């Protein structure tokens, strides 16, 4: 029986919580958690954001104290952090000094993109399990780390994203839910120019879009941040969903690989959505383009897919079902959790002996 202390965000819809719950459903693992967002709060209000910056050091020390208290009280064999944005190399050393293995599940495109302290911390874990397939082969060359990195993909949360049938009706032609990024804004502006005057009902959910509406048609709906079940139901409102990627990454002035998939890659299929995905070599190994998930390289190809498929409701239904069958249950977080636990047993055989 592995005793695991999990450190990550706990809000419904967060990837950390979904993975923690998948691990917690297992019978060969005893899990306790430290909810990161209880100690390092987030806020939208400007005054609260300023206050959080001023108190950032104290918040982090409270989190570190909670982690060490959890290690001393629960006595885990493994401490697992999801990204570990607020954990330092010094804290990881103190955990290892207690003969506890340290593991990071890393979900972002580059550990160099979030400051020097985070970069150093990621290199201090005994094992990094990255959700990006390109990290492990480049871990030493591109990223300069000496610790071990292995790959386990993202997946969908069966308690949140899984639906067993399509939505009863759709009031949107096209929907995308993603936090605004410059690349996403550019893509949708270019798309708007190619489908202008077509009368398509388009909904855009996610943080940042209301602050960057330039170039988007006025009749496109900006829905604001949507999380949890609202995220799923917003996507199911649309005949076609979009799955963009942040493919251009510059970390500290150095170009590094960008995303080749996202959680949407798996969540959309599980939620019984028909979607068009940014084409990458990796995604073409997950879905079949002609029969499951159409893919695009640029706004012109994307616009062509939208205009082609929207009238073909029977074809949409067939492809939506085929992608769902492909993803469920193979791309679930329970399957990913199984791979992670097998990896822990292989890499840290003593963790099963923890009291």
Protein backbone atom coordinates (compact mmCIF):
# COMPACT_ATOMS: atom_id res chain seq x y z
CA UNK A 1 0.00 0.00 0.00
CA UNK A 2 1.52 3.32 -1.11
CA UNK A 3 1.03 6.24 1.23
CA UNK A 4 0.91 9.40 -0.88
CA UNK A 5 0.66 13.05 0.15
CA UNK A 6 -0.74 15.06 -2.75
CA UNK A 7 -0.10 18.82 -3.07
CA UNK A 8 -2.20 20.74 -5.59
CA UNK A 9 -5.18 22.97 -6.25
CA UNK A 10 -8.57 21.75 -5.04
CA UNK A 11 -11.17 23.75 -7.00
CA UNK A 12 -13.62 21.70 -9.05
CA UNK A 13 -12.39 21.44 -12.62
CA UNK A 14 -8.71 21.86 -11.81
CA UNK A 15 -6.45 19.19 -13.32
CA UNK A 16 -4.80 18.70 -9.94
CA UNK A 17 -8.08 17.86 -8.21
CA UNK A 18 -9.15 15.53 -11.02
CA UNK A 19 -5.90 13.54 -10.85
CA UNK A 20 -5.98 13.47 -7.05
CA UNK A 21 -9.50 12.04 -7.11
CA UNK A 22 -8.49 9.43 -9.69
CA UNK A 23 -5.62 8.36 -7.43
CA UNK A 24 -7.95 8.42 -4.43
CA UNK A 25 -10.33 5.95 -6.10
CA UNK A 26 -7.64 3.29 -6.03
CA UNK A 27 -7.60 0.54 -3.38
CA UNK A 28 -3.82 0.07 -3.42
CA UNK A 29 -3.04 3.61 -2.30
CA UNK A 30 -3.73 5.69 0.83
CA UNK A 31 -3.92 9.38 0.04
CA UNK A 32 -3.86 12.58 2.04
CA UNK A 33 -3.75 16.06 0.53
CA UNK A 34 -2.56 19.59 1.07
CA UNK A 35 -4.87 21.93 -0.84
CA UNK A 36 -2.54 24.53 -2.28
CA UNK A 37 -5.24 27.13 -2.86
CA UNK A 38 -6.16 27.19 0.83
CA UNK A 39 -2.73 28.63 1.58
CA UNK A 40 -2.00 30.60 -1.60
CA UNK A 41 -5.33 32.23 -2.51
CA UNK A 42 -6.21 33.68 -5.90
CA UNK A 43 -8.38 36.75 -6.45
CA UNK A 44 -9.96 38.81 -9.21
CA UNK A 45 -10.40 41.97 -7.18
CA UNK A 46 -7.51 44.39 -7.70
CA UNK A 47 -7.07 45.21 -4.02
CA UNK A 48 -7.02 41.54 -3.09
CA UNK A 49 -4.48 40.81 -5.84
CA UNK A 50 -2.21 43.55 -4.50
CA UNK A 51 -2.65 42.19 -0.99
CA UNK A 52 -1.77 38.68 -2.15
CA UNK A 53 1.43 39.96 -3.77
CA UNK A 54 2.44 41.71 -0.56
CA UNK A 55 1.73 38.59 1.46
CA UNK A 56 3.12 36.10 -1.06
CA UNK A 57 6.08 35.15 1.13
CA UNK A 58 3.86 34.49 4.13
CA UNK A 59 1.40 32.50 2.05
CA UNK A 60 4.19 30.31 0.73
CA UNK A 61 5.65 29.74 4.20
CA UNK A 62 2.20 28.67 5.43
CA UNK A 63 1.99 26.21 2.54
CA UNK A 64 5.46 24.86 3.27
CA UNK A 65 4.55 24.42 6.94
CA UNK A 66 1.40 22.53 5.96
CA UNK A 67 3.38 20.23 3.64
CA UNK A 68 5.99 19.44 6.28
CA UNK A 69 3.29 18.91 8.91
CA UNK A 70 1.61 16.51 6.49
CA UNK A 71 4.88 14.63 5.95
CA UNK A 72 5.56 14.37 9.68
CA UNK A 73 2.01 13.42 10.61
CA UNK A 74 0.95 11.18 7.72
CA UNK A 75 4.42 9.71 7.09
CA UNK A 76 3.98 9.12 3.35
CA UNK A 77 6.28 7.17 1.08
CA UNK A 78 5.79 9.76 -1.67
CA UNK A 79 5.00 13.46 -1.81
CA UNK A 80 3.44 14.29 -5.19
CA UNK A 81 3.06 17.90 -6.31
CA UNK A 82 0.93 18.90 -9.28
CA UNK A 83 3.18 21.45 -11.01
CA UNK A 84 4.35 22.69 -7.60
CA UNK A 85 4.22 26.38 -8.47
CA UNK A 86 4.88 27.45 -4.88
CA UNK A 87 7.27 24.71 -3.75
CA UNK A 88 10.99 25.44 -3.55
CA UNK A 89 14.11 23.34 -3.97
CA UNK A 90 14.86 23.91 -0.28
CA UNK A 91 11.49 22.47 0.77
CA UNK A 92 12.02 19.43 -1.45
CA UNK A 93 15.40 18.82 0.18
CA UNK A 94 13.77 18.92 3.62
CA UNK A 95 11.21 16.36 2.45
CA UNK A 96 13.88 14.07 1.02
CA UNK A 97 15.87 14.37 4.26
CA UNK A 98 12.87 12.63 5.87
CA UNK A 99 13.39 9.67 3.48
CA UNK A 100 10.33 10.54 1.42
CA UNK A 101 10.38 10.41 -2.39
CA UNK A 102 9.39 13.60 -4.23
CA UNK A 103 7.43 13.50 -7.50
CA UNK A 104 6.17 16.32 -9.71
CA UNK A 105 3.32 15.83 -12.18
CA UNK A 106 4.17 18.58 -14.65
CA UNK A 107 1.34 19.81 -16.91
CA UNK A 108 2.83 22.92 -18.57
CA UNK A 109 4.80 23.39 -21.77
CA UNK A 110 8.04 24.61 -20.14
CA UNK A 111 9.34 24.66 -16.56
CA UNK A 112 11.55 27.60 -17.63
CA UNK A 113 8.58 29.91 -18.23
CA UNK A 114 7.64 30.59 -14.60
CA UNK A 115 10.71 32.11 -12.97
CA UNK A 116 14.12 30.93 -11.79
CA UNK A 117 12.91 29.61 -8.44
CA UNK A 118 10.37 27.34 -10.10
CA UNK A 119 12.93 26.24 -12.70
CA UNK A 120 15.33 25.18 -9.93
CA UNK A 121 12.60 23.43 -7.97
CA UNK A 122 11.51 21.28 -10.93
CA UNK A 123 15.07 20.02 -11.24
CA UNK A 124 15.08 18.98 -7.57
CA UNK A 125 12.36 16.32 -7.63
CA UNK A 126 13.35 12.67 -7.61
CA UNK A 127 11.01 12.13 -10.55
CA UNK A 128 9.08 14.40 -12.89
CA UNK A 129 6.07 12.86 -14.64
CA UNK A 130 5.36 15.22 -17.52
CA UNK A 131 2.12 15.34 -19.48
CA UNK A 132 4.10 16.52 -22.54
CA UNK A 133 5.59 13.81 -24.78
CA UNK A 134 8.53 16.00 -25.84
CA UNK A 135 9.81 16.73 -22.32
CA UNK A 136 11.43 13.38 -21.47
CA UNK A 137 13.65 13.09 -24.58
CA UNK A 138 14.77 16.74 -24.21
CA UNK A 139 14.94 16.90 -20.41
CA UNK A 140 18.72 17.14 -20.30
CA UNK A 141 19.45 18.90 -23.59
CA UNK A 142 16.78 21.57 -23.98
CA UNK A 143 15.95 22.01 -20.30
CA UNK A 144 19.30 21.21 -18.67
CA UNK A 145 18.02 18.94 -15.89
CA UNK A 146 19.75 15.94 -14.34
CA UNK A 147 16.78 14.33 -12.61
CA UNK A 148 14.52 11.78 -14.27
CA UNK A 149 11.53 12.66 -16.44
CA UNK A 150 8.88 10.25 -17.71
CA UNK A 151 5.72 10.77 -19.75
CA UNK A 152 2.08 10.15 -18.84
CA UNK A 153 -0.53 12.06 -20.88
CA UNK A 154 -3.34 14.23 -19.62
CA UNK A 155 -6.82 12.75 -19.59
CA UNK A 156 -10.46 13.45 -18.90
CA UNK A 157 -12.11 13.33 -15.49
CA UNK A 158 -14.93 10.73 -15.63
CA UNK A 159 -16.75 12.43 -12.75
CA UNK A 160 -16.75 15.80 -14.50
CA UNK A 161 -16.35 15.49 -18.28
CA UNK A 162 -17.90 12.15 -19.17
CA UNK A 163 -21.30 12.16 -20.88
CA UNK A 164 -22.97 9.10 -22.36
CA UNK A 165 -24.95 10.85 -25.10
CA UNK A 166 -24.84 14.10 -27.07
CA UNK A 167 -26.68 17.17 -25.82
CA UNK A 168 -30.37 17.34 -26.63
CA UNK A 169 -29.94 20.57 -28.60
CA UNK A 170 -27.33 23.18 -29.52
CA UNK A 171 -27.87 26.94 -29.61
CA UNK A 172 -24.33 27.66 -30.85
CA UNK A 173 -22.71 26.70 -34.13
CA UNK A 174 -19.16 27.02 -32.81
CA UNK A 175 -17.70 27.20 -29.30
CA UNK A 176 -14.26 27.43 -27.78
CA UNK A 177 -13.40 27.58 -24.09
CA UNK A 178 -9.79 28.56 -23.42
CA UNK A 179 -7.98 31.28 -21.50
CA UNK A 180 -7.06 34.09 -23.89
CA UNK A 181 -3.55 33.97 -25.27
CA UNK A 182 -2.11 36.06 -28.10
CA UNK A 183 -1.97 33.04 -30.40
CA UNK A 184 -5.60 32.19 -29.71
CA UNK A 185 -6.66 35.78 -30.28
CA UNK A 186 -4.82 35.87 -33.61
CA UNK A 187 -6.40 32.58 -34.70
CA UNK A 188 -9.95 33.74 -33.95
CA UNK A 189 -9.43 37.12 -35.60
CA UNK A 190 -8.21 35.38 -38.73
CA UNK A 191 -11.11 32.93 -38.53
CA UNK A 192 -13.60 35.79 -38.18
CA UNK A 193 -12.26 37.37 -41.36
CA UNK A 194 -12.87 34.11 -43.26
CA UNK A 195 -16.40 33.35 -42.04
CA UNK A 196 -17.73 36.91 -41.93
CA UNK A 197 -21.31 37.37 -43.08
CA UNK A 198 -22.05 33.66 -42.69
CA UNK A 199 -24.30 34.28 -39.68
CA UNK A 200 -22.61 31.67 -37.50
CA UNK A 201 -23.46 31.67 -33.81
CA UNK A 202 -20.09 31.65 -32.02
CA UNK A 203 -19.45 31.49 -28.26
CA UNK A 204 -16.06 32.09 -26.64
CA UNK A 205 -15.54 31.17 -22.99
CA UNK A 206 -12.50 31.68 -20.81
CA UNK A 207 -10.65 34.39 -18.94
CA UNK A 208 -9.15 37.35 -20.80
CA UNK A 209 -11.38 37.54 -23.87
CA UNK A 210 -13.45 40.44 -22.60
CA UNK A 211 -10.23 42.41 -22.22
CA UNK A 212 -9.16 41.53 -25.79
CA UNK A 213 -12.25 41.75 -28.02
CA UNK A 214 -10.43 43.55 -30.85
CA UNK A 215 -11.05 42.02 -34.25
CA UNK A 216 -13.90 39.78 -33.09
CA UNK A 217 -17.40 40.27 -34.52
CA UNK A 218 -19.78 42.05 -32.17
CA UNK A 219 -22.35 39.29 -32.43
CA UNK A 220 -19.91 36.65 -31.16
CA UNK A 221 -20.74 35.88 -27.54
CA UNK A 222 -17.97 36.43 -24.98
CA UNK A 223 -19.03 34.21 -22.11
CA UNK A 224 -16.32 34.96 -19.54
CA UNK A 225 -14.61 32.33 -17.38
CA UNK A 226 -16.43 28.99 -17.20
CA UNK A 227 -15.20 26.14 -15.03
CA UNK A 228 -16.38 22.81 -13.67
CA UNK A 229 -19.71 21.54 -14.99
CA UNK A 230 -20.39 24.90 -16.65
CA UNK A 231 -17.30 24.36 -18.80
CA UNK A 232 -18.65 21.03 -20.04
CA UNK A 233 -22.17 22.27 -20.66
CA UNK A 234 -20.92 25.35 -22.51
CA UNK A 235 -19.02 23.15 -24.95
CA UNK A 236 -22.00 20.83 -25.41
CA UNK A 237 -24.09 23.81 -26.54
CA UNK A 238 -22.18 23.89 -29.84
CA UNK A 239 -22.40 21.80 -32.99
CA UNK A 240 -18.62 22.21 -33.40
CA UNK A 241 -16.01 22.89 -30.70
CA UNK A 242 -12.50 24.21 -31.32
CA UNK A 243 -9.34 22.86 -29.73
CA UNK A 244 -6.51 25.39 -30.22
CA UNK A 245 -2.93 25.01 -29.01
CA UNK A 246 -0.26 27.37 -27.78
CA UNK A 247 2.36 26.24 -30.27
CA UNK A 248 4.79 29.16 -29.95
CA UNK A 249 6.75 29.28 -26.68
CA UNK A 250 9.62 31.59 -25.78
CA UNK A 251 11.09 31.06 -22.31
CA UNK A 252 13.78 33.50 -21.21
CA UNK A 253 14.32 34.52 -24.82
CA UNK A 254 14.80 30.92 -25.98
CA UNK A 255 12.36 29.19 -28.32
CA UNK A 256 11.14 25.91 -26.83
CA UNK A 257 8.50 23.35 -27.89
CA UNK A 258 4.89 24.41 -27.35
CA UNK A 259 1.84 22.32 -26.64
CA UNK A 260 1.10 19.27 -28.77
CA UNK A 261 -2.13 18.52 -26.91
CA UNK A 262 -4.15 19.97 -24.03
CA UNK A 263 -6.72 18.61 -21.59
CA UNK A 264 -9.35 19.62 -24.20
CA UNK A 265 -7.89 16.95 -26.46
CA UNK A 266 -9.42 14.32 -24.18
CA UNK A 267 -12.24 16.18 -22.43
CA UNK A 268 -14.12 17.11 -25.61
CA UNK A 269 -14.34 13.53 -26.81
CA UNK A 270 -15.42 12.30 -23.38
CA UNK A 271 -18.13 15.00 -23.23
CA UNK A 272 -19.59 13.76 -26.53
CA UNK A 273 -18.59 16.87 -28.47
CA UNK A 274 -17.66 17.06 -32.14
CA UNK A 275 -14.46 19.10 -32.35
CA UNK A 276 -11.80 20.37 -34.72
CA UNK A 277 -8.27 20.19 -33.31
CA UNK A 278 -5.05 22.01 -34.14
CA UNK A 279 -2.99 19.45 -36.01
CA UNK A 280 0.13 18.05 -34.39
CA UNK A 281 2.00 14.84 -35.07
CA UNK A 282 1.09 13.65 -31.58
CA UNK A 283 -2.66 14.29 -31.90
CA UNK A 284 -2.74 12.37 -35.20
CA UNK A 285 -1.72 9.31 -33.15
CA UNK A 286 -4.72 9.81 -30.84
CA UNK A 287 -7.55 10.32 -33.34
CA UNK A 288 -8.23 9.53 -36.97
CA UNK A 289 -8.76 12.74 -38.99
CA UNK A 290 -11.20 11.46 -41.64
CA UNK A 291 -13.48 9.56 -39.25
CA UNK A 292 -13.09 11.02 -35.74
CA UNK A 293 -11.54 14.47 -35.34
CA UNK A 294 -10.81 16.88 -38.23
CA UNK A 295 -7.62 18.88 -37.78
CA UNK A 296 -6.28 22.21 -39.01
CA UNK A 297 -2.96 23.97 -39.51
CA UNK A 298 -4.25 27.52 -39.94
CA UNK A 299 -7.36 29.69 -39.92
CA UNK A 300 -8.06 29.02 -43.60
CA UNK A 301 -8.22 25.26 -43.08
CA UNK A 302 -10.22 25.74 -39.87
CA UNK A 303 -12.79 27.92 -41.63
CA UNK A 304 -13.08 25.32 -44.37
CA UNK A 305 -13.86 22.60 -41.82
CA UNK A 306 -16.51 24.71 -40.11
CA UNK A 307 -18.29 25.57 -43.34
CA UNK A 308 -18.05 22.01 -44.59
CA UNK A 309 -19.26 20.17 -41.51
CA UNK A 310 -21.95 22.48 -40.11
CA UNK A 311 -24.58 21.39 -42.65
CA UNK A 312 -23.60 17.70 -42.26
CA UNK A 313 -25.35 16.88 -38.98
CA UNK A 314 -25.36 13.12 -39.60
CA UNK A 315 -21.63 13.18 -40.31
CA UNK A 316 -21.05 15.24 -37.16
CA UNK A 317 -23.01 12.64 -35.17
CA UNK A 318 -20.99 9.74 -36.60
CA UNK A 319 -17.62 11.38 -35.96
CA UNK A 320 -18.61 12.60 -32.51
CA UNK A 321 -19.56 9.04 -31.53
CA UNK A 322 -16.38 7.55 -33.03
CA UNK A 323 -14.15 9.99 -31.11
CA UNK A 324 -16.07 9.24 -27.91
CA UNK A 325 -15.57 5.50 -28.36
CA UNK A 326 -11.87 6.07 -29.01
CA UNK A 327 -11.41 8.14 -25.84
CA UNK A 328 -13.62 6.30 -23.34
CA UNK A 329 -12.23 4.80 -21.19
CA UNK A 330 -8.75 4.70 -22.74
CA UNK A 331 -8.01 8.42 -22.22
CA UNK A 332 -9.44 8.67 -18.70
CA UNK A 333 -7.52 9.92 -15.68
CA UNK A 334 -8.17 6.56 -14.02
CA UNK A 335 -6.08 4.96 -16.76
CA UNK A 336 -3.42 7.63 -16.27
CA UNK A 337 -3.48 7.09 -12.50
CA UNK A 338 -2.87 3.38 -13.06
CA UNK A 339 0.21 4.18 -15.14
CA UNK A 340 1.46 6.62 -12.52
CA UNK A 341 1.10 4.13 -9.66
CA UNK A 342 2.90 1.43 -11.63
CA UNK A 343 5.64 3.97 -12.32
CA UNK A 344 5.94 4.83 -8.62
CA UNK A 345 6.28 1.18 -7.67
CA UNK A 346 8.96 0.64 -10.30
CA UNK A 347 10.91 3.79 -9.47
CA UNK A 348 10.49 3.75 -5.66
CA UNK A 349 10.00 0.14 -4.54
CA UNK A 350 10.43 1.14 -0.89
CA UNK A 351 7.35 3.39 -1.01
CA UNK A 352 5.08 0.37 -0.46
CA UNK A 353 6.88 -0.28 2.81
CA UNK A 354 5.92 3.08 4.33
CA UNK A 355 4.01 2.68 7.62
